[in-house]
Amino acid sequence: MPIRPENRDRYPKNWPAISLDIRTNRAAGRCECTGHCGLDHDGRCQARNGQPNPVTGSKVVLTVAHLNHEPRDVRPENLLAACQLCHLRYDGPHHRETAARTRAAALAAAGQLTIDLEATQ
């Protein structure tokens, strides 16, 4: 997955080399997901870089996911070579949480008041 320009400083300078090493040497061009994404792969995901995804049929572009969602943490055990499907499914809950915080911060910055429903009960 491409890194957004505003997030590039969150990754180490040698991220392209680290990512390439994980995808090609360790994973040998195959998704390493064994259910991290919530799908039952019956072992390891069968998606291979450049081939049609066995689930979606779209061309696989192997990516590298950070299991703890921290781009600076490039320890091998925190990285997972993943097809787009597995990567997006794994990151989904984190993306929803981040988006909700971003929306709330934007509303607060615009002067929007919030109601604490728990305090009113």
N, C-alpha and C. Protein backbone atom coordinates (compact mmCIF):
# COMPACT_ATOMS: atom_id res chain seq x y z
N MET A 1 0.86 -1.16 0.00
CA MET A 1 0.00 0.00 0.00
C MET A 1 0.90 1.22 0.00
N PRO A 2 0.59 2.16 -0.85
CA PRO A 2 1.44 3.36 -0.88
C PRO A 2 1.36 4.13 0.44
N ILE A 3 2.46 4.74 0.80
CA ILE A 3 2.50 5.55 2.01
C ILE A 3 2.08 6.97 1.64
N ARG A 4 1.12 7.50 2.37
CA ARG A 4 0.70 8.88 2.12
C ARG A 4 1.85 9.82 2.42
N PRO A 5 1.99 10.87 1.61
CA PRO A 5 3.10 11.80 1.82
C PRO A 5 3.17 12.35 3.25
N GLU A 6 2.03 12.61 3.87
CA GLU A 6 2.02 13.17 5.22
C GLU A 6 2.47 12.15 6.27
N ASN A 7 2.56 10.88 5.90
CA ASN A 7 2.97 9.83 6.84
C ASN A 7 4.39 9.32 6.60
N ARG A 8 5.05 9.79 5.56
CA ARG A 8 6.38 9.27 5.21
C ARG A 8 7.39 9.40 6.34
N ASP A 9 7.28 10.47 7.13
CA ASP A 9 8.25 10.67 8.21
C ASP A 9 8.04 9.70 9.37
N ARG A 10 6.95 8.95 9.35
CA ARG A 10 6.69 7.96 10.39
C ARG A 10 7.42 6.64 10.12
N TYR A 11 7.95 6.48 8.90
CA TYR A 11 8.65 5.26 8.49
C TYR A 11 10.15 5.51 8.49
N PRO A 12 10.95 4.47 8.75
CA PRO A 12 12.40 4.67 8.66
C PRO A 12 12.81 4.93 7.21
N LYS A 13 13.92 5.60 7.04
CA LYS A 13 14.40 5.95 5.69
C LYS A 13 14.61 4.71 4.83
N ASN A 14 15.01 3.60 5.44
CA ASN A 14 15.28 2.39 4.67
C ASN A 14 14.05 1.48 4.55
N TRP A 15 12.85 2.03 4.76
CA TRP A 15 11.63 1.23 4.68
C TRP A 15 11.49 0.49 3.34
N PRO A 16 11.76 1.12 2.20
CA PRO A 16 11.62 0.37 0.93
C PRO A 16 12.47 -0.90 0.91
N ALA A 17 13.68 -0.85 1.42
CA ALA A 17 14.54 -2.04 1.44
C ALA A 17 14.02 -3.08 2.43
N ILE A 18 13.55 -2.63 3.59
CA ILE A 18 13.00 -3.55 4.59
C ILE A 18 11.77 -4.26 4.02
N SER A 19 10.87 -3.49 3.43
CA SER A 19 9.65 -4.04 2.85
C SER A 19 9.97 -5.05 1.75
N LEU A 20 10.88 -4.69 0.88
CA LEU A 20 11.26 -5.59 -0.22
C LEU A 20 11.85 -6.89 0.33
N ASP A 21 12.68 -6.81 1.35
CA ASP A 21 13.27 -8.00 1.95
C ASP A 21 12.20 -8.92 2.53
N ILE A 22 11.24 -8.34 3.25
CA ILE A 22 10.16 -9.14 3.85
C ILE A 22 9.35 -9.82 2.75
N ARG A 23 8.97 -9.05 1.72
CA ARG A 23 8.11 -9.58 0.65
C ARG A 23 8.80 -10.62 -0.22
N THR A 24 10.06 -10.40 -0.53
CA THR A 24 10.73 -11.31 -1.48
C THR A 24 11.52 -12.41 -0.81
N ASN A 25 12.33 -12.09 0.17
CA ASN A 25 13.17 -13.11 0.80
C ASN A 25 12.42 -13.95 1.82
N ARG A 26 11.83 -13.30 2.82
CA ARG A 26 11.16 -14.07 3.86
C ARG A 26 9.88 -14.74 3.36
N ALA A 27 9.03 -13.97 2.68
CA ALA A 27 7.73 -14.48 2.27
C ALA A 27 7.76 -15.17 0.90
N ALA A 28 8.85 -15.00 0.17
CA ALA A 28 8.98 -15.60 -1.16
C ALA A 28 7.81 -15.24 -2.09
N GLY A 29 7.35 -13.98 -1.97
CA GLY A 29 6.30 -13.50 -2.86
C GLY A 29 4.90 -13.99 -2.55
N ARG A 30 4.70 -14.54 -1.36
CA ARG A 30 3.39 -15.08 -0.99
C ARG A 30 2.89 -14.45 0.30
N CYS A 31 1.60 -14.20 0.38
CA CYS A 31 0.99 -13.65 1.58
C CYS A 31 1.29 -14.56 2.77
N GLU A 32 1.70 -13.96 3.88
CA GLU A 32 2.04 -14.73 5.09
C GLU A 32 0.88 -14.86 6.07
N CYS A 33 -0.26 -14.30 5.74
CA CYS A 33 -1.39 -14.30 6.66
C CYS A 33 -1.87 -15.73 6.94
N THR A 34 -2.04 -16.02 8.21
CA THR A 34 -2.55 -17.34 8.63
C THR A 34 -3.84 -17.16 9.43
N GLY A 35 -4.55 -16.09 9.13
CA GLY A 35 -5.79 -15.80 9.83
C GLY A 35 -5.76 -14.50 10.58
N HIS A 36 -4.64 -13.78 10.53
CA HIS A 36 -4.54 -12.47 11.18
C HIS A 36 -5.70 -11.57 10.75
N CYS A 37 -6.16 -11.72 9.52
CA CYS A 37 -7.18 -10.85 8.92
C CYS A 37 -8.60 -11.26 9.29
N GLY A 38 -8.74 -12.39 9.95
CA GLY A 38 -10.07 -12.85 10.32
C GLY A 38 -10.64 -13.89 9.37
N LEU A 39 -9.97 -14.14 8.25
CA LEU A 39 -10.43 -15.16 7.31
C LEU A 39 -9.79 -16.50 7.66
N ASP A 40 -10.52 -17.56 7.42
CA ASP A 40 -9.98 -18.90 7.64
C ASP A 40 -9.31 -19.33 6.35
N HIS A 41 -7.98 -19.26 6.32
CA HIS A 41 -7.23 -19.61 5.12
C HIS A 41 -6.91 -21.10 5.06
N ASP A 42 -7.33 -21.86 6.07
CA ASP A 42 -6.96 -23.27 6.16
C ASP A 42 -5.44 -23.40 6.06
N GLY A 43 -4.77 -22.64 6.92
CA GLY A 43 -3.31 -22.55 6.90
C GLY A 43 -2.91 -21.16 6.47
N ARG A 44 -2.02 -21.09 5.51
CA ARG A 44 -1.50 -19.80 5.02
C ARG A 44 -2.27 -19.35 3.79
N CYS A 45 -2.53 -18.05 3.70
CA CYS A 45 -3.21 -17.47 2.54
C CYS A 45 -2.47 -17.89 1.26
N GLN A 46 -3.21 -18.21 0.24
CA GLN A 46 -2.63 -18.70 -1.01
C GLN A 46 -2.29 -17.59 -2.00
N ALA A 47 -2.55 -16.34 -1.66
CA ALA A 47 -2.31 -15.23 -2.59
C ALA A 47 -0.81 -15.08 -2.88
N ARG A 48 -0.50 -14.92 -4.16
CA ARG A 48 0.89 -14.75 -4.60
C ARG A 48 1.03 -13.45 -5.38
N ASN A 49 2.12 -12.75 -5.13
CA ASN A 49 2.38 -11.47 -5.78
C ASN A 49 2.29 -11.60 -7.30
N GLY A 50 1.53 -10.69 -7.91
CA GLY A 50 1.40 -10.65 -9.36
C GLY A 50 0.38 -11.60 -9.94
N GLN A 51 -0.19 -12.48 -9.11
CA GLN A 51 -1.18 -13.45 -9.58
C GLN A 51 -2.58 -13.02 -9.14
N PRO A 52 -3.62 -13.59 -9.75
CA PRO A 52 -4.98 -13.28 -9.28
C PRO A 52 -5.17 -13.77 -7.84
N ASN A 53 -5.81 -12.93 -7.02
CA ASN A 53 -6.10 -13.33 -5.64
C ASN A 53 -7.11 -14.47 -5.69
N PRO A 54 -6.88 -15.55 -4.94
CA PRO A 54 -7.80 -16.69 -4.97
C PRO A 54 -9.21 -16.38 -4.46
N VAL A 55 -9.36 -15.30 -3.71
CA VAL A 55 -10.67 -14.92 -3.18
C VAL A 55 -11.33 -13.86 -4.06
N THR A 56 -10.59 -12.80 -4.37
CA THR A 56 -11.19 -11.66 -5.08
C THR A 56 -10.97 -11.69 -6.59
N GLY A 57 -9.95 -12.39 -7.03
CA GLY A 57 -9.62 -12.42 -8.45
C GLY A 57 -8.79 -11.24 -8.93
N SER A 58 -8.61 -10.24 -8.06
CA SER A 58 -7.81 -9.07 -8.46
C SER A 58 -6.32 -9.42 -8.38
N LYS A 59 -5.52 -8.69 -9.14
CA LYS A 59 -4.08 -8.93 -9.16
C LYS A 59 -3.49 -8.59 -7.79
N VAL A 60 -2.73 -9.51 -7.24
CA VAL A 60 -2.12 -9.33 -5.92
C VAL A 60 -0.89 -8.44 -6.02
N VAL A 61 -0.86 -7.43 -5.17
CA VAL A 61 0.33 -6.61 -4.96
C VAL A 61 0.68 -6.82 -3.49
N LEU A 62 1.72 -7.59 -3.26
CA LEU A 62 2.10 -7.92 -1.89
C LEU A 62 2.54 -6.66 -1.15
N THR A 63 2.06 -6.48 0.06
CA THR A 63 2.37 -5.33 0.90
C THR A 63 2.99 -5.84 2.20
N VAL A 64 3.35 -4.93 3.09
CA VAL A 64 3.84 -5.33 4.41
C VAL A 64 3.03 -4.59 5.46
N ALA A 65 2.39 -5.36 6.32
CA ALA A 65 1.59 -4.81 7.41
C ALA A 65 2.42 -4.76 8.69
N HIS A 66 2.18 -3.72 9.48
CA HIS A 66 2.76 -3.62 10.82
C HIS A 66 1.71 -4.16 11.79
N LEU A 67 2.02 -5.26 12.45
CA LEU A 67 1.03 -5.90 13.30
C LEU A 67 0.60 -5.03 14.48
N ASN A 68 1.49 -4.15 14.95
CA ASN A 68 1.11 -3.26 16.06
C ASN A 68 0.75 -1.86 15.56
N HIS A 69 0.62 -1.70 14.24
CA HIS A 69 0.22 -0.44 13.60
C HIS A 69 1.20 0.70 13.87
N GLU A 70 2.42 0.38 14.20
CA GLU A 70 3.45 1.41 14.47
C GLU A 70 4.51 1.33 13.37
N PRO A 71 4.48 2.27 12.41
CA PRO A 71 5.41 2.22 11.27
C PRO A 71 6.89 2.26 11.63
N ARG A 72 7.23 2.80 12.77
CA ARG A 72 8.64 2.87 13.16
C ARG A 72 9.17 1.52 13.67
N ASP A 73 8.25 0.64 14.04
CA ASP A 73 8.63 -0.66 14.59
C ASP A 73 8.80 -1.65 13.43
N VAL A 74 10.04 -1.83 13.01
CA VAL A 74 10.31 -2.68 11.85
C VAL A 74 10.99 -4.00 12.26
N ARG A 75 10.77 -4.41 13.50
CA ARG A 75 11.26 -5.72 13.90
C ARG A 75 10.57 -6.77 13.01
N PRO A 76 11.31 -7.76 12.55
CA PRO A 76 10.71 -8.78 11.67
C PRO A 76 9.43 -9.40 12.23
N GLU A 77 9.39 -9.62 13.54
CA GLU A 77 8.20 -10.25 14.12
C GLU A 77 6.98 -9.32 14.14
N ASN A 78 7.17 -8.03 13.88
CA ASN A 78 6.06 -7.08 13.80
C ASN A 78 5.58 -6.88 12.37
N LEU A 79 6.26 -7.48 11.40
CA LEU A 79 5.94 -7.26 10.00
C LEU A 79 5.34 -8.52 9.38
N LEU A 80 4.36 -8.32 8.50
CA LEU A 80 3.67 -9.42 7.85
C LEU A 80 3.49 -9.10 6.38
N ALA A 81 4.09 -9.90 5.51
CA ALA A 81 3.82 -9.75 4.08
C ALA A 81 2.37 -10.14 3.87
N ALA A 82 1.60 -9.27 3.23
CA ALA A 82 0.16 -9.53 3.11
C ALA A 82 -0.37 -9.05 1.76
N CYS A 83 -1.31 -9.83 1.21
CA CYS A 83 -2.01 -9.38 0.02
C CYS A 83 -2.92 -8.22 0.43
N GLN A 84 -3.46 -7.52 -0.56
CA GLN A 84 -4.30 -6.36 -0.24
C GLN A 84 -5.49 -6.74 0.63
N LEU A 85 -6.13 -7.88 0.32
CA LEU A 85 -7.30 -8.30 1.08
C LEU A 85 -6.96 -8.51 2.54
N CYS A 86 -5.93 -9.27 2.81
CA CYS A 86 -5.56 -9.55 4.20
C CYS A 86 -5.11 -8.28 4.92
N HIS A 87 -4.31 -7.45 4.24
CA HIS A 87 -3.81 -6.22 4.86
C HIS A 87 -4.97 -5.29 5.22
N LEU A 88 -5.88 -5.07 4.29
CA LEU A 88 -7.01 -4.17 4.56
C LEU A 88 -7.93 -4.73 5.65
N ARG A 89 -8.17 -6.02 5.63
CA ARG A 89 -9.01 -6.62 6.67
C ARG A 89 -8.33 -6.54 8.04
N TYR A 90 -7.02 -6.76 8.08
CA TYR A 90 -6.29 -6.68 9.34
C TYR A 90 -6.31 -5.25 9.89
N ASP A 91 -6.08 -4.29 9.02
CA ASP A 91 -6.03 -2.88 9.44
C ASP A 91 -7.40 -2.24 9.63
N GLY A 92 -8.47 -2.87 9.17
CA GLY A 92 -9.81 -2.27 9.20
C GLY A 92 -10.22 -1.69 10.55
N PRO A 93 -10.18 -2.47 11.63
CA PRO A 93 -10.60 -1.91 12.93
C PRO A 93 -9.73 -0.72 13.35
N HIS A 94 -8.44 -0.79 13.09
CA HIS A 94 -7.54 0.32 13.43
C HIS A 94 -7.89 1.56 12.60
N HIS A 95 -8.17 1.38 11.31
CA HIS A 95 -8.53 2.51 10.45
C HIS A 95 -9.84 3.16 10.91
N ARG A 96 -10.83 2.34 11.29
CA ARG A 96 -12.10 2.90 11.76
C ARG A 96 -11.91 3.71 13.04
N GLU A 97 -11.11 3.19 13.95
CA GLU A 97 -10.84 3.90 15.21
C GLU A 97 -10.12 5.22 14.95
N THR A 98 -9.11 5.19 14.10
CA THR A 98 -8.35 6.39 13.77
C THR A 98 -9.25 7.42 13.08
N ALA A 99 -10.09 6.96 12.15
CA ALA A 99 -10.99 7.86 11.43
C ALA A 99 -11.98 8.52 12.40
N ALA A 100 -12.49 7.77 13.36
CA ALA A 100 -13.43 8.32 14.33
C ALA A 100 -12.76 9.40 15.18
N ARG A 101 -11.51 9.15 15.60
CA ARG A 101 -10.78 10.17 16.38
C ARG A 101 -10.51 11.41 15.54
N THR A 102 -10.17 11.21 14.27
CA THR A 102 -9.89 12.34 13.38
C THR A 102 -11.15 13.18 13.18
N ARG A 103 -12.30 12.52 12.97
CA ARG A 103 -13.57 13.25 12.80
C ARG A 103 -13.93 14.01 14.07
N ALA A 104 -13.76 13.37 15.23
CA ALA A 104 -14.08 14.03 16.50
C ALA A 104 -13.18 15.25 16.72
N ALA A 105 -11.90 15.12 16.40
CA ALA A 105 -10.98 16.24 16.56
C ALA A 105 -11.34 17.38 15.62
N ALA A 106 -11.75 17.06 14.41
CA ALA A 106 -12.14 18.11 13.45
C ALA A 106 -13.38 18.83 13.93
N LEU A 107 -14.34 18.09 14.47
CA LEU A 107 -15.55 18.72 15.00
C LEU A 107 -15.23 19.60 16.20
N ALA A 108 -14.38 19.12 17.08
CA ALA A 108 -13.99 19.91 18.25
C ALA A 108 -13.26 21.18 17.83
N ALA A 109 -12.39 21.07 16.83
CA ALA A 109 -11.65 22.23 16.35
C ALA A 109 -12.59 23.26 15.73
N ALA A 110 -13.70 22.78 15.17
CA ALA A 110 -14.67 23.68 14.55
C ALA A 110 -15.64 24.24 15.58
N GLY A 111 -15.50 23.85 16.85
CA GLY A 111 -16.36 24.38 17.90
C GLY A 111 -17.58 23.54 18.17
N GLN A 112 -17.68 22.36 17.59
CA GLN A 112 -18.82 21.47 17.80
C GLN A 112 -18.79 20.93 19.23
N LEU A 113 -19.86 21.10 19.95
CA LEU A 113 -19.97 20.56 21.29
C LEU A 113 -20.43 19.12 21.23
N THR A 114 -20.01 18.32 22.18
CA THR A 114 -20.43 16.92 22.24
C THR A 114 -21.24 16.71 23.51
N ILE A 115 -22.06 15.71 23.49
CA ILE A 115 -22.87 15.35 24.65
C ILE A 115 -22.33 14.04 25.21
N ASP A 116 -22.03 14.02 26.48
CA ASP A 116 -21.57 12.81 27.14
C ASP A 116 -22.82 12.08 27.62
N LEU A 117 -23.28 11.12 26.83
CA LEU A 117 -24.52 10.41 27.14
C LEU A 117 -24.43 9.62 28.43
N GLU A 118 -23.27 9.12 28.77
CA GLU A 118 -23.11 8.36 30.01
C GLU A 118 -23.29 9.27 31.24
N ALA A 119 -22.88 10.51 31.13
CA ALA A 119 -23.00 11.45 32.26
C ALA A 119 -24.45 11.88 32.49
N THR A 120 -25.28 11.76 31.46
CA THR A 120 -26.68 12.20 31.59
C THR A 120 -27.59 11.10 32.11
N GLN A 121 -27.07 9.91 32.28
CA GLN A 121 -27.92 8.79 32.72
C GLN A 121 -27.86 8.58 34.19
